[in-house]
PDB file of N, CA and C in Angstrom:
ATOM      1  N   MET A   1     115.114   9.275 -12.858  1.00  0.00           N
ATOM      2  CA  MET A   1     115.114   9.230 -14.295  1.00  0.00           C
ATOM      3  C   MET A   1     113.687   9.171 -14.855  1.00  0.00           C
ATOM      4  N   TRP A   2     112.808   8.453 -14.159  1.00  0.00           N
ATOM      5  CA  TRP A   2     111.436   8.311 -14.630  1.00  0.00           C
ATOM      6  C   TRP A   2     110.533   9.427 -14.104  1.00  0.00           C
ATOM      7  N   ARG A   3     111.048  10.247 -13.210  1.00  0.00           N
ATOM      8  CA  ARG A   3     110.211  11.282 -12.598  1.00  0.00           C
ATOM      9  C   ARG A   3     109.728  12.314 -13.597  1.00  0.00           C
ATOM     10  N   LEU A   4     110.621  12.839 -14.415  1.00  0.00           N
ATOM     11  CA  LEU A   4     110.232  13.873 -15.371  1.00  0.00           C
ATOM     12  C   LEU A   4     109.207  13.356 -16.381  1.00  0.00           C
ATOM     13  N   PRO A   5     109.450  12.211 -17.044  1.00  0.00           N
ATOM     14  CA  PRO A   5     108.436  11.710 -17.986  1.00  0.00           C
ATOM     15  C   PRO A   5     107.101  11.411 -17.295  1.00  0.00           C
ATOM     16  N   SER A   6     107.156  10.884 -16.085  1.00  0.00           N
ATOM     17  CA  SER A   6     105.922  10.589 -15.350  1.00  0.00           C
ATOM     18  C   SER A   6     105.173  11.867 -15.005  1.00  0.00           C
ATOM     19  N   ALA A   7     105.917  12.879 -14.582  1.00  0.00           N
ATOM     20  CA  ALA A   7     105.295  14.157 -14.232  1.00  0.00           C
ATOM     21  C   ALA A   7     104.671  14.802 -15.468  1.00  0.00           C
ATOM     22  N   LEU A   8     105.355  14.756 -16.594  1.00  0.00           N
ATOM     23  CA  LEU A   8     104.807  15.316 -17.832  1.00  0.00           C
ATOM     24  C   LEU A   8     103.559  14.570 -18.284  1.00  0.00           C
ATOM     25  N   ALA A   9     103.570  13.257 -18.154  1.00  0.00           N
ATOM     26  CA  ALA A   9     102.400  12.466 -18.533  1.00  0.00           C
ATOM     27  C   ALA A   9     101.209  12.815 -17.646  1.00  0.00           C
ATOM     28  N   LEU A  10     101.441  12.981 -16.363  1.00  0.00           N
ATOM     29  CA  LEU A  10     100.373  13.345 -15.438  1.00  0.00           C
ATOM     30  C   LEU A  10      99.822  14.731 -15.760  1.00  0.00           C
ATOM     31  N   LEU A  11     100.687  15.693 -16.017  1.00  0.00           N
ATOM     32  CA  LEU A  11     100.239  17.042 -16.359  1.00  0.00           C
ATOM     33  C   LEU A  11      99.433  17.055 -17.659  1.00  0.00           C
ATOM     34  N   THR A  12      99.851  16.271 -18.632  1.00  0.00           N
ATOM     35  CA  THR A  12      99.111  16.176 -19.890  1.00  0.00           C
ATOM     36  C   THR A  12      97.724  15.606 -19.656  1.00  0.00           C
ATOM     37  N   LEU A  13      97.644  14.573 -18.851  1.00  0.00           N
ATOM     38  CA  LEU A  13      96.354  13.961 -18.525  1.00  0.00           C
ATOM     39  C   LEU A  13      95.444  14.950 -17.819  1.00  0.00           C
ATOM     40  N   LEU A  14      95.972  15.660 -16.832  1.00  0.00           N
ATOM     41  CA  LEU A  14      95.178  16.633 -16.089  1.00  0.00           C
ATOM     42  C   LEU A  14      94.740  17.795 -16.974  1.00  0.00           C
ATOM     43  N   ALA A  15      95.584  18.241 -17.857  1.00  0.00           N
ATOM     44  CA  ALA A  15      95.217  19.326 -18.762  1.00  0.00           C
ATOM     45  C   ALA A  15      94.079  18.901 -19.680  1.00  0.00           C
ATOM     46  N   GLY A  16      94.082  17.673 -20.122  1.00  0.00           N
ATOM     47  CA  GLY A  16      92.999  17.163 -20.955  1.00  0.00           C
ATOM     48  C   GLY A  16      91.689  17.103 -20.208  1.00  0.00           C
ATOM     49  N   CYS A  17      91.721  16.789 -18.916  1.00  0.00           N
ATOM     50  CA  CYS A  17      90.513  16.738 -18.108  1.00  0.00           C
ATOM     51  C   CYS A  17      89.948  18.124 -17.853  1.00  0.00           C
ATOM     52  N   ALA A  18      90.786  19.134 -17.924  1.00  0.00           N
ATOM     53  CA  ALA A  18      90.353  20.484 -17.582  1.00  0.00           C
ATOM     54  C   ALA A  18      89.689  21.211 -18.752  1.00  0.00           C
ATOM     55  N   SER A  19      89.774  20.660 -19.946  1.00  0.00           N
ATOM     56  CA  SER A  19      89.199  21.367 -21.084  1.00  0.00           C
ATOM     57  C   SER A  19      87.684  21.251 -21.070  1.00  0.00           C
ATOM     58  N   HIS A  20      87.031  22.313 -21.497  1.00  0.00           N
ATOM     59  CA  HIS A  20      85.577  22.352 -21.531  1.00  0.00           C
ATOM     60  C   HIS A  20      85.162  22.714 -22.941  1.00  0.00           C
ATOM     61  N   SER A  21      84.525  21.775 -23.637  1.00  0.00           N
ATOM     62  CA  SER A  21      84.064  22.114 -24.965  1.00  0.00           C
ATOM     63  C   SER A  21      82.542  22.114 -24.992  1.00  0.00           C
ATOM     64  N   ILE A  22      81.997  23.145 -25.607  1.00  0.00           N
ATOM     65  CA  ILE A  22      80.558  23.296 -25.727  1.00  0.00           C
ATOM     66  C   ILE A  22      80.041  22.245 -26.700  1.00  0.00           C
ATOM     67  N   ASP A  23      78.974  21.563 -26.324  1.00  0.00           N
ATOM     68  CA  ASP A  23      78.331  20.592 -27.200  1.00  0.00           C
ATOM     69  C   ASP A  23      77.565  21.378 -28.263  1.00  0.00           C
ATOM     70  N   PRO A  24      78.001  21.339 -29.539  1.00  0.00           N
ATOM     71  CA  PRO A  24      77.377  22.176 -30.576  1.00  0.00           C
ATOM     72  C   PRO A  24      75.909  21.841 -30.828  1.00  0.00           C
ATOM     73  N   ARG A  25      75.481  20.628 -30.498  1.00  0.00           N
ATOM     74  CA  ARG A  25      74.076  20.249 -30.679  1.00  0.00           C
ATOM     75  C   ARG A  25      73.348  20.192 -29.351  1.00  0.00           C
ATOM     76  N   GLY A  26      73.981  20.673 -28.304  1.00  0.00           N
ATOM     77  CA  GLY A  26      73.429  20.548 -26.960  1.00  0.00           C
ATOM     78  C   GLY A  26      72.570  21.714 -26.528  1.00  0.00           C
ATOM     79  N   TYR A  27      72.228  21.687 -25.268  1.00  0.00           N
ATOM     80  CA  TYR A  27      71.388  22.695 -24.644  1.00  0.00           C
ATOM     81  C   TYR A  27      72.091  24.048 -24.678  1.00  0.00           C
ATOM     82  N   ASP A  28      71.383  25.095 -25.099  1.00  0.00           N
ATOM     83  CA  ASP A  28      71.933  26.447 -25.168  1.00  0.00           C
ATOM     84  C   ASP A  28      70.768  27.419 -24.994  1.00  0.00           C
ATOM     85  N   GLN A  29      70.635  27.961 -23.782  1.00  0.00           N
ATOM     86  CA  GLN A  29      69.509  28.840 -23.467  1.00  0.00           C
ATOM     87  C   GLN A  29      69.993  30.090 -22.751  1.00  0.00           C
ATOM     88  N   THR A  30      69.230  31.156 -22.901  1.00  0.00           N
ATOM     89  CA  THR A  30      69.499  32.411 -22.217  1.00  0.00           C
ATOM     90  C   THR A  30      68.326  32.709 -21.298  1.00  0.00           C
ATOM     91  N   GLY A  31      68.635  33.180 -20.086  1.00  0.00           N
ATOM     92  CA  GLY A  31      67.580  33.495 -19.129  1.00  0.00           C
ATOM     93  C   GLY A  31      68.151  34.088 -17.864  1.00  0.00           C
ATOM     94  N   THR A  32      67.365  34.038 -16.801  1.00  0.00           N
ATOM     95  CA  THR A  32      67.754  34.618 -15.523  1.00  0.00           C
ATOM     96  C   THR A  32      68.244  33.542 -14.568  1.00  0.00           C
ATOM     97  N   ALA A  33      69.386  33.790 -13.958  1.00  0.00           N
ATOM     98  CA  ALA A  33      69.931  32.900 -12.934  1.00  0.00           C
ATOM     99  C   ALA A  33      69.768  33.554 -11.574  1.00  0.00           C
ATOM    100  N   SER A  34      69.609  32.724 -10.569  1.00  0.00           N
ATOM    101  CA  SER A  34      69.624  33.166  -9.177  1.00  0.00           C
ATOM    102  C   SER A  34      70.535  32.197  -8.441  1.00  0.00           C
ATOM    103  N   TYR A  35      70.692  32.409  -7.144  1.00  0.00           N
ATOM    104  CA  TYR A  35      71.534  31.478  -6.390  1.00  0.00           C
ATOM    105  C   TYR A  35      70.914  31.180  -5.042  1.00  0.00           C
ATOM    106  N   TYR A  36      71.345  30.054  -4.481  1.00  0.00           N
ATOM    107  CA  TYR A  36      70.912  29.695  -3.140  1.00  0.00           C
ATOM    108  C   TYR A  36      72.134  29.304  -2.338  1.00  0.00           C
ATOM    109  N   GLY A  37      72.098  29.611  -1.041  1.00  0.00           N
ATOM    110  CA  GLY A  37      73.307  29.452  -0.246  1.00  0.00           C
ATOM    111  C   GLY A  37      73.090  28.872   1.124  1.00  0.00           C
ATOM    112  N   SER A  38      73.450  29.627   2.144  1.00  0.00           N
ATOM    113  CA  SER A  38      73.576  29.112   3.503  1.00  0.00           C
ATOM    114  C   SER A  38      72.298  28.492   4.060  1.00  0.00           C
ATOM    115  N   ARG A  39      71.149  29.001   3.693  1.00  0.00           N
ATOM    116  CA  ARG A  39      69.894  28.465   4.223  1.00  0.00           C
ATOM    117  C   ARG A  39      69.676  27.015   3.795  1.00  0.00           C
ATOM    118  N   HIS A  40      70.231  26.629   2.653  1.00  0.00           N
ATOM    119  CA  HIS A  40      70.062  25.276   2.117  1.00  0.00           C
ATOM    120  C   HIS A  40      71.288  24.389   2.333  1.00  0.00           C
ATOM    121  N   HIS A  41      72.371  24.979   2.826  1.00  0.00           N
ATOM    122  CA  HIS A  41      73.633  24.248   2.985  1.00  0.00           C
ATOM    123  C   HIS A  41      73.428  23.002   3.852  1.00  0.00           C
ATOM    124  N   GLY A  42      73.849  21.854   3.323  1.00  0.00           N
ATOM    125  CA  GLY A  42      73.754  20.591   4.043  1.00  0.00           C
ATOM    126  C   GLY A  42      72.457  19.831   3.811  1.00  0.00           C
ATOM    127  N   LYS A  43      71.443  20.493   3.259  1.00  0.00           N
ATOM    128  CA  LYS A  43      70.173  19.803   2.989  1.00  0.00           C
ATOM    129  C   LYS A  43      70.312  18.935   1.754  1.00  0.00           C
ATOM    130  N   ARG A  44      69.500  17.906   1.674  1.00  0.00           N
ATOM    131  CA  ARG A  44      69.532  16.973   0.553  1.00  0.00           C
ATOM    132  C   ARG A  44      69.014  17.626  -0.729  1.00  0.00           C
ATOM    133  N   THR A  45      69.739  17.422  -1.819  1.00  0.00           N
ATOM    134  CA  THR A  45      69.285  17.891  -3.128  1.00  0.00           C
ATOM    135  C   THR A  45      68.410  16.802  -3.751  1.00  0.00           C
ATOM    136  N   ALA A  46      67.799  17.112  -4.865  1.00  0.00           N
ATOM    137  CA  ALA A  46      66.953  16.132  -5.555  1.00  0.00           C
ATOM    138  C   ALA A  46      67.752  14.918  -6.026  1.00  0.00           C
ATOM    139  N   SER A  47      69.052  15.088  -6.240  1.00  0.00           N
ATOM    140  CA  SER A  47      69.899  13.960  -6.660  1.00  0.00           C
ATOM    141  C   SER A  47      70.287  13.066  -5.495  1.00  0.00           C
ATOM    142  N   GLY A  48      70.014  13.522  -4.270  1.00  0.00           N
ATOM    143  CA  GLY A  48      70.331  12.737  -3.085  1.00  0.00           C
ATOM    144  C   GLY A  48      71.582  13.169  -2.355  1.00  0.00           C
ATOM    145  N   GLU A  49      72.396  13.988  -2.988  1.00  0.00           N
ATOM    146  CA  GLU A  49      73.617  14.440  -2.313  1.00  0.00           C
ATOM    147  C   GLU A  49      73.324  15.698  -1.488  1.00  0.00           C
ATOM    148  N   PRO A  50      74.088  15.938  -0.444  1.00  0.00           N
ATOM    149  CA  PRO A  50      73.873  17.161   0.332  1.00  0.00           C
ATOM    150  C   PRO A  50      74.299  18.398  -0.463  1.00  0.00           C
ATOM    151  N   PHE A  51      73.532  19.466  -0.313  1.00  0.00           N
ATOM    152  CA  PHE A  51      73.880  20.714  -0.985  1.00  0.00           C
ATOM    153  C   PHE A  51      75.085  21.337  -0.294  1.00  0.00           C
ATOM    154  N   ASN A  52      76.054  21.770  -1.094  1.00  0.00           N
ATOM    155  CA  ASN A  52      77.251  22.432  -0.590  1.00  0.00           C
ATOM    156  C   ASN A  52      77.346  23.788  -1.276  1.00  0.00           C
ATOM    157  N   GLN A  53      77.122  24.849  -0.526  1.00  0.00           N
ATOM    158  CA  GLN A  53      77.142  26.186  -1.114  1.00  0.00           C
ATOM    159  C   GLN A  53      78.517  26.574  -1.646  1.00  0.00           C
ATOM    160  N   HIS A  54      79.554  25.843  -1.260  1.00  0.00           N
ATOM    161  CA  HIS A  54      80.921  26.142  -1.702  1.00  0.00           C
ATOM    162  C   HIS A  54      81.327  25.338  -2.938  1.00  0.00           C
ATOM    163  N   ALA A  55      80.468  24.444  -3.403  1.00  0.00           N
ATOM    164  CA  ALA A  55      80.753  23.640  -4.597  1.00  0.00           C
ATOM    165  C   ALA A  55      80.224  24.357  -5.832  1.00  0.00           C
ATOM    166  N   LEU A  56      80.668  23.927  -6.985  1.00  0.00           N
ATOM    167  CA  LEU A  56      80.201  24.508  -8.250  1.00  0.00           C
ATOM    168  C   LEU A  56      79.086  23.622  -8.797  1.00  0.00           C
ATOM    169  N   THR A  57      77.880  23.823  -8.263  1.00  0.00           N
ATOM    170  CA  THR A  57      76.719  23.024  -8.637  1.00  0.00           C
ATOM    171  C   THR A  57      75.547  23.941  -8.949  1.00  0.00           C
ATOM    172  N   ALA A  58      74.474  23.331  -9.484  1.00  0.00           N
ATOM    173  CA  ALA A  58      73.302  24.124  -9.851  1.00  0.00           C
ATOM    174  C   ALA A  58      72.054  23.258  -9.893  1.00  0.00           C
ATOM    175  N   ALA A  59      70.915  23.943  -9.848  1.00  0.00           N
ATOM    176  CA  ALA A  59      69.616  23.300 -10.002  1.00  0.00           C
ATOM    177  C   ALA A  59      69.033  23.709 -11.349  1.00  0.00           C
ATOM    178  N   HIS A  60      68.493  22.716 -12.056  1.00  0.00           N
ATOM    179  CA  HIS A  60      67.847  22.970 -13.345  1.00  0.00           C
ATOM    180  C   HIS A  60      66.608  22.093 -13.422  1.00  0.00           C
ATOM    181  N   ARG A  61      65.593  22.560 -14.108  1.00  0.00           N
ATOM    182  CA  ARG A  61      64.323  21.829 -14.155  1.00  0.00           C
ATOM    183  C   ARG A  61      64.402  20.510 -14.921  1.00  0.00           C
ATOM    184  N   SER A  62      65.182  20.458 -15.995  1.00  0.00           N
ATOM    185  CA  SER A  62      65.110  19.269 -16.850  1.00  0.00           C
ATOM    186  C   SER A  62      66.429  18.606 -17.216  1.00  0.00           C
ATOM    187  N   LEU A  63      67.544  19.295 -17.130  1.00  0.00           N
ATOM    188  CA  LEU A  63      68.811  18.661 -17.497  1.00  0.00           C
ATOM    189  C   LEU A  63      69.117  17.506 -16.540  1.00  0.00           C
ATOM    190  N   PRO A  64      69.653  16.407 -17.054  1.00  0.00           N
ATOM    191  CA  PRO A  64      69.943  15.248 -16.200  1.00  0.00           C
ATOM    192  C   PRO A  64      70.982  15.573 -15.120  1.00  0.00           C
ATOM    193  N   PHE A  65      70.836  14.913 -13.976  1.00  0.00           N
ATOM    194  CA  PHE A  65      71.837  15.066 -12.917  1.00  0.00           C
ATOM    195  C   PHE A  65      73.197  14.649 -13.454  1.00  0.00           C
ATOM    196  N   GLY A  66      74.220  15.388 -13.068  1.00  0.00           N
ATOM    197  CA  GLY A  66      75.576  15.106 -13.529  1.00  0.00           C
ATOM    198  C   GLY A  66      75.962  15.878 -14.777  1.00  0.00           C
ATOM    199  N   THR A  67      74.998  16.488 -15.454  1.00  0.00           N
ATOM    200  CA  THR A  67      75.300  17.277 -16.643  1.00  0.00           C
ATOM    201  C   THR A  67      76.144  18.481 -16.249  1.00  0.00           C
ATOM    202  N   ARG A  68      77.190  18.741 -17.031  1.00  0.00           N
ATOM    203  CA  ARG A  68      78.020  19.925 -16.802  1.00  0.00           C
ATOM    204  C   ARG A  68      77.625  20.987 -17.811  1.00  0.00           C
ATOM    205  N   VAL A  69      77.444  22.200 -17.309  1.00  0.00           N
ATOM    206  CA  VAL A  69      77.088  23.326 -18.170  1.00  0.00           C
ATOM    207  C   VAL A  69      78.013  24.498 -17.886  1.00  0.00           C
ATOM    208  N   GLN A  70      78.242  25.291 -18.922  1.00  0.00           N
ATOM    209  CA  GLN A  70      78.970  26.550 -18.758  1.00  0.00           C
ATOM    210  C   GLN A  70      77.925  27.648 -18.634  1.00  0.00           C
ATOM    211  N   VAL A  71      78.045  28.451 -17.583  1.00  0.00           N
ATOM    212  CA  VAL A  71      77.131  29.560 -17.355  1.00  0.00           C
ATOM    213  C   VAL A  71      77.926  30.847 -17.552  1.00  0.00           C
ATOM    214  N   THR A  72      77.426  31.727 -18.421  1.00  0.00           N
ATOM    215  CA  THR A  72      78.080  32.999 -18.716  1.00  0.00           C
ATOM    216  C   THR A  72      77.192  34.135 -18.254  1.00  0.00           C
ATOM    217  N   ASN A  73      77.746  35.015 -17.406  1.00  0.00           N
ATOM    218  CA  ASN A  73      77.036  36.222 -16.995  1.00  0.00           C
ATOM    219  C   ASN A  73      77.125  37.196 -18.168  1.00  0.00           C
ATOM    220  N   LEU A  74      75.982  37.535 -18.756  1.00  0.00           N
ATOM    221  CA  LEU A  74      75.983  38.347 -19.969  1.00  0.00           C
ATOM    222  C   LEU A  74      76.336  39.808 -19.716  1.00  0.00           C
ATOM    223  N   SER A  75      76.297  40.262 -18.453  1.00  0.00           N
ATOM    224  CA  SER A  75      76.641  41.660 -18.185  1.00  0.00           C
ATOM    225  C   SER A  75      78.141  41.883 -17.996  1.00  0.00           C
ATOM    226  N   ASN A  76      78.886  40.820 -17.639  1.00  0.00           N
ATOM    227  CA  ASN A  76      80.323  41.008 -17.428  1.00  0.00           C
ATOM    228  C   ASN A  76      81.187  39.943 -18.119  1.00  0.00           C
ATOM    229  N   ASP A  77      80.553  39.006 -18.812  1.00  0.00           N
ATOM    230  CA  ASP A  77      81.227  37.935 -19.559  1.00  0.00           C
ATOM    231  C   ASP A  77      82.030  36.980 -18.679  1.00  0.00           C
ATOM    232  N   ARG A  78      81.770  36.966 -17.375  1.00  0.00           N
ATOM    233  CA  ARG A  78      82.423  35.985 -16.502  1.00  0.00           C
ATOM    234  C   ARG A  78      81.726  34.645 -16.668  1.00  0.00           C
ATOM    235  N   ARG A  79      82.523  33.562 -16.595  1.00  0.00           N
ATOM    236  CA  ARG A  79      82.009  32.219 -16.851  1.00  0.00           C
ATOM    237  C   ARG A  79      82.381  31.269 -15.734  1.00  0.00           C
ATOM    238  N   VAL A  80      81.522  30.256 -15.562  1.00  0.00           N
ATOM    239  CA  VAL A  80      81.791  29.205 -14.596  1.00  0.00           C
ATOM    240  C   VAL A  80      81.173  27.911 -15.131  1.00  0.00           C
ATOM    241  N   VAL A  81      81.820  26.794 -14.820  1.00  0.00           N
ATOM    242  CA  VAL A  81      81.286  25.485 -15.178  1.00  0.00           C
ATOM    243  C   VAL A  81      80.708  24.868 -13.912  1.00  0.00           C
ATOM    244  N   VAL A  82      79.452  24.436 -14.002  1.00  0.00           N
ATOM    245  CA  VAL A  82      78.777  23.828 -12.852  1.00  0.00           C
ATOM    246  C   VAL A  82      78.216  22.469 -13.252  1.00  0.00           C
ATOM    247  N   ARG A  83      77.939  21.660 -12.227  1.00  0.00           N
ATOM    248  CA  ARG A  83      77.337  20.335 -12.422  1.00  0.00           C
ATOM    249  C   ARG A  83      75.913  20.389 -11.882  1.00  0.00           C
ATOM    250  N   ILE A  84      74.961  19.880 -12.660  1.00  0.00           N
ATOM    251  CA  ILE A  84      73.564  19.856 -12.240  1.00  0.00           C
ATOM    252  C   ILE A  84      73.380  18.737 -11.215  1.00  0.00           C
ATOM    253  N   ASN A  85      72.893  19.104 -10.013  1.00  0.00           N
ATOM    254  CA  ASN A  85      72.664  18.097  -8.976  1.00  0.00           C
ATOM    255  C   ASN A  85      71.346  18.306  -8.234  1.00  0.00           C
ATOM    256  N   ASP A  86      70.513  19.232  -8.723  1.00  0.00           N
ATOM    257  CA  ASP A  86      69.264  19.518  -8.027  1.00  0.00           C
ATOM    258  C   ASP A  86      68.215  19.959  -9.046  1.00  0.00           C
ATOM    259  N   ARG A  87      66.966  19.993  -8.610  1.00  0.00           N
ATOM    260  CA  ARG A  87      65.859  20.462  -9.432  1.00  0.00           C
ATOM    261  C   ARG A  87      65.447  21.857  -8.998  1.00  0.00           C
ATOM    262  N   GLY A  88      65.065  22.646  -9.934  1.00  0.00           N
ATOM    263  CA  GLY A  88      64.672  24.017  -9.697  1.00  0.00           C
ATOM    264  C   GLY A  88      65.052  24.801 -10.931  1.00  0.00           C
ATOM    265  N   PRO A  89      64.965  26.069 -10.910  1.00  0.00           N
ATOM    266  CA  PRO A  89      64.476  26.918  -9.837  1.00  0.00           C
ATOM    267  C   PRO A  89      62.953  26.793  -9.678  1.00  0.00           C
ATOM    268  N   HIS A  90      62.508  27.128  -8.495  1.00  0.00           N
ATOM    269  CA  HIS A  90      61.087  27.042  -8.185  1.00  0.00           C
ATOM    270  C   HIS A  90      60.421  28.405  -8.283  1.00  0.00           C
ATOM    271  N   THR A  91      61.149  29.402  -8.748  1.00  0.00           N
ATOM    272  CA  THR A  91      60.604  30.736  -8.970  1.00  0.00           C
ATOM    273  C   THR A  91      60.350  30.919 -10.454  1.00  0.00           C
ATOM    274  N   ARG A  92      59.148  31.349 -10.770  1.00  0.00           N
ATOM    275  CA  ARG A  92      58.769  31.549 -12.169  1.00  0.00           C
ATOM    276  C   ARG A  92      59.722  32.540 -12.857  1.00  0.00           C
ATOM    277  N   GLY A  93      60.065  32.239 -14.106  1.00  0.00           N
ATOM    278  CA  GLY A  93      60.904  33.131 -14.892  1.00  0.00           C
ATOM    279  C   GLY A  93      62.398  32.940 -14.705  1.00  0.00           C
ATOM    280  N   ARG A  94      62.801  31.984 -13.900  1.00  0.00           N
ATOM    281  CA  ARG A  94      64.228  31.707 -13.691  1.00  0.00           C
ATOM    282  C   ARG A  94      64.637  30.477 -14.487  1.00  0.00           C
ATOM    283  N   LEU A  95      65.850  30.496 -14.999  1.00  0.00           N
ATOM    284  CA  LEU A  95      66.373  29.403 -15.813  1.00  0.00           C
ATOM    285  C   LEU A  95      67.194  28.409 -14.988  1.00  0.00           C
ATOM    286  N   ILE A  96      67.997  28.926 -14.054  1.00  0.00           N
ATOM    287  CA  ILE A  96      68.921  28.078 -13.297  1.00  0.00           C
ATOM    288  C   ILE A  96      69.161  28.697 -11.926  1.00  0.00           C
ATOM    289  N   ASP A  97      69.314  27.841 -10.927  1.00  0.00           N
ATOM    290  CA  ASP A  97      69.711  28.263  -9.586  1.00  0.00           C
ATOM    291  C   ASP A  97      71.134  27.772  -9.349  1.00  0.00           C
ATOM    292  N   LEU A  98      72.006  28.669  -9.010  1.00  0.00           N
ATOM    293  CA  LEU A  98      73.423  28.346  -8.821  1.00  0.00           C
ATOM    294  C   LEU A  98      73.781  28.257  -7.351  1.00  0.00           C
ATOM    295  N   SER A  99      74.846  27.539  -7.048  1.00  0.00           N
ATOM    296  CA  SER A  99      75.390  27.558  -5.691  1.00  0.00           C
ATOM    297  C   SER A  99      75.988  28.942  -5.426  1.00  0.00           C
ATOM    298  N   ARG A 100      76.179  29.254  -4.166  1.00  0.00           N
ATOM    299  CA  ARG A 100      76.741  30.555  -3.792  1.00  0.00           C
ATOM    300  C   ARG A 100      78.119  30.752  -4.431  1.00  0.00           C
ATOM    301  N   GLU A 101      78.938  29.703  -4.432  1.00  0.00           N
ATOM    302  CA  GLU A 101      80.281  29.800  -5.013  1.00  0.00           C
ATOM    303  C   GLU A 101      80.220  30.126  -6.503  1.00  0.00           C
ATOM    304  N   ALA A 102      79.323  29.478  -7.232  1.00  0.00           N
ATOM    305  CA  ALA A 102      79.186  29.758  -8.660  1.00  0.00           C
ATOM    306  C   ALA A 102      78.721  31.193  -8.881  1.00  0.00           C
ATOM    307  N   ALA A 103      77.766  31.637  -8.065  1.00  0.00           N
ATOM    308  CA  ALA A 103      77.274  33.014  -8.175  1.00  0.00           C
ATOM    309  C   ALA A 103      78.386  34.018  -7.881  1.00  0.00           C
ATOM    310  N   GLU A 104      79.221  33.700  -6.906  1.00  0.00           N
ATOM    311  CA  GLU A 104      80.343  34.586  -6.583  1.00  0.00           C
ATOM    312  C   GLU A 104      81.310  34.688  -7.756  1.00  0.00           C
ATOM    313  N   GLN A 105      81.622  33.552  -8.378  1.00  0.00           N
ATOM    314  CA  GLN A 105      82.540  33.568  -9.518  1.00  0.00           C
ATOM    315  C   GLN A 105      81.955  34.336 -10.708  1.00  0.00           C
ATOM    316  N   LEU A 106      80.632  34.367 -10.804  1.00  0.00           N
ATOM    317  CA  LEU A 106      79.990  35.113 -11.888  1.00  0.00           C
ATOM    318  C   LEU A 106      79.793  36.590 -11.551  1.00  0.00           C
ATOM    319  N   GLY A 107      80.077  36.966 -10.302  1.00  0.00           N
ATOM    320  CA  GLY A 107      79.938  38.358  -9.894  1.00  0.00           C
ATOM    321  C   GLY A 107      78.493  38.800  -9.720  1.00  0.00           C
ATOM    322  N   MET A 108      77.635  37.903  -9.230  1.00  0.00           N
ATOM    323  CA  MET A 108      76.221  38.238  -9.095  1.00  0.00           C
ATOM    324  C   MET A 108      75.701  38.158  -7.665  1.00  0.00           C
ATOM    325  N   LEU A 109      76.593  38.109  -6.683  1.00  0.00           N
ATOM    326  CA  LEU A 109      76.145  38.009  -5.293  1.00  0.00           C
ATOM    327  C   LEU A 109      75.366  39.241  -4.855  1.00  0.00           C
ATOM    328  N   ARG A 110      75.840  40.390  -5.192  1.00  0.00           N
ATOM    329  CA  ARG A 110      75.199  41.631  -4.748  1.00  0.00           C
ATOM    330  C   ARG A 110      73.795  41.778  -5.334  1.00  0.00           C
ATOM    331  N   SER A 111      73.653  41.496  -6.622  1.00  0.00           N
ATOM    332  CA  SER A 111      72.350  41.671  -7.283  1.00  0.00           C
ATOM    333  C   SER A 111      71.391  40.522  -6.990  1.00  0.00           C
ATOM    334  N   GLY A 112      71.932  39.326  -6.763  1.00  0.00           N
ATOM    335  CA  GLY A 112      71.095  38.164  -6.481  1.00  0.00           C
ATOM    336  C   GLY A 112      70.619  37.427  -7.721  1.00  0.00           C
ATOM    337  N   THR A 113      70.542  38.115  -8.835  1.00  0.00           N
ATOM    338  CA  THR A 113      70.166  37.487 -10.104  1.00  0.00           C
ATOM    339  C   THR A 113      71.041  38.069 -11.209  1.00  0.00           C
ATOM    340  N   ALA A 114      71.070  37.369 -12.318  1.00  0.00           N
ATOM    341  CA  ALA A 114      71.828  37.856 -13.474  1.00  0.00           C
ATOM    342  C   ALA A 114      71.258  37.239 -14.739  1.00  0.00           C
ATOM    343  N   ARG A 115      71.390  37.952 -15.813  1.00  0.00           N
ATOM    344  CA  ARG A 115      71.027  37.428 -17.133  1.00  0.00           C
ATOM    345  C   ARG A 115      72.197  36.568 -17.584  1.00  0.00           C
ATOM    346  N   VAL A 116      71.923  35.298 -17.914  1.00  0.00           N
ATOM    347  CA  VAL A 116      72.985  34.344 -18.224  1.00  0.00           C
ATOM    348  C   VAL A 116      72.680  33.548 -19.484  1.00  0.00           C
ATOM    349  N   ARG A 117      73.736  32.962 -20.008  1.00  0.00           N
ATOM    350  CA  ARG A 117      73.638  31.973 -21.077  1.00  0.00           C
ATOM    351  C   ARG A 117      74.114  30.650 -20.494  1.00  0.00           C
ATOM    352  N   VAL A 118      73.329  29.599 -20.672  1.00  0.00           N
ATOM    353  CA  VAL A 118      73.658  28.266 -20.155  1.00  0.00           C
ATOM    354  C   VAL A 118      73.870  27.341 -21.344  1.00  0.00           C
ATOM    355  N   GLN A 119      75.089  26.748 -21.421  1.00  0.00           N
ATOM    356  CA  GLN A 119      75.446  25.868 -22.524  1.00  0.00           C
ATOM    357  C   GLN A 119      75.933  24.538 -21.988  1.00  0.00           C
ATOM    358  N   ARG A 120      75.358  23.465 -22.513  1.00  0.00           N
ATOM    359  CA  ARG A 120      75.772  22.122 -22.112  1.00  0.00           C
ATOM    360  C   ARG A 120      77.149  21.822 -22.670  1.00  0.00           C
ATOM    361  N   LEU A 121      77.982  21.174 -21.851  1.00  0.00           N
ATOM    362  CA  LEU A 121      79.328  20.796 -22.281  1.00  0.00           C
ATOM    363  C   LEU A 121      79.327  19.351 -22.785  1.00  0.00           C
ATOM    364  N   SER A 122      80.242  19.056 -23.674  1.00  0.00           N
ATOM    365  CA  SER A 122      80.402  17.684 -24.179  1.00  0.00           C
ATOM    366  C   SER A 122      80.862  16.797 -23.039  1.00  0.00           C
ATOM    367  N   ASP A 123      80.447  15.556 -23.081  1.00  0.00           N
ATOM    368  CA  ASP A 123      80.854  14.595 -22.034  1.00  0.00           C
ATOM    369  C   ASP A 123      82.293  14.201 -22.178  1.00  0.00           C
TER     370      ASP A 123
END
C-alpha cells in the first residue's frame, strides 16, 4: 500500500536533483575546450582526487573545485554538465580541459578541441 506513494516521492526527489539551471549572474564564457584522458587516468588532480577519464569532470583555471558547469559545443549544440576538480588548461588559449567522457558526449574526440560555451550552474 505504501509502495506506490513511496516510489512516487523518490522519483520526484530524483527528478528535482537532475535539473540544471544556469546561474543568470554566474560565469558565462566562450572559448576553446580540449580534453585529457588515458595518460592522466588515476593521477591526482589539483583537488586531491584521482582523475577518472570516464567521469564527467573538468579542469579550469579559476572556478572553485566542485563547481558544476554546463559546456555546450557550439558546432553541434551538444551539451554536458561537468564538475570542476582540477586546474588547467595549461595550454595557452584554452578555456577548459574536459575528461574524455565529457569530450565524447560533446562529440569532440576526433578533433581534440572544440569551440564551447561554459556556463556556471546554480547550486
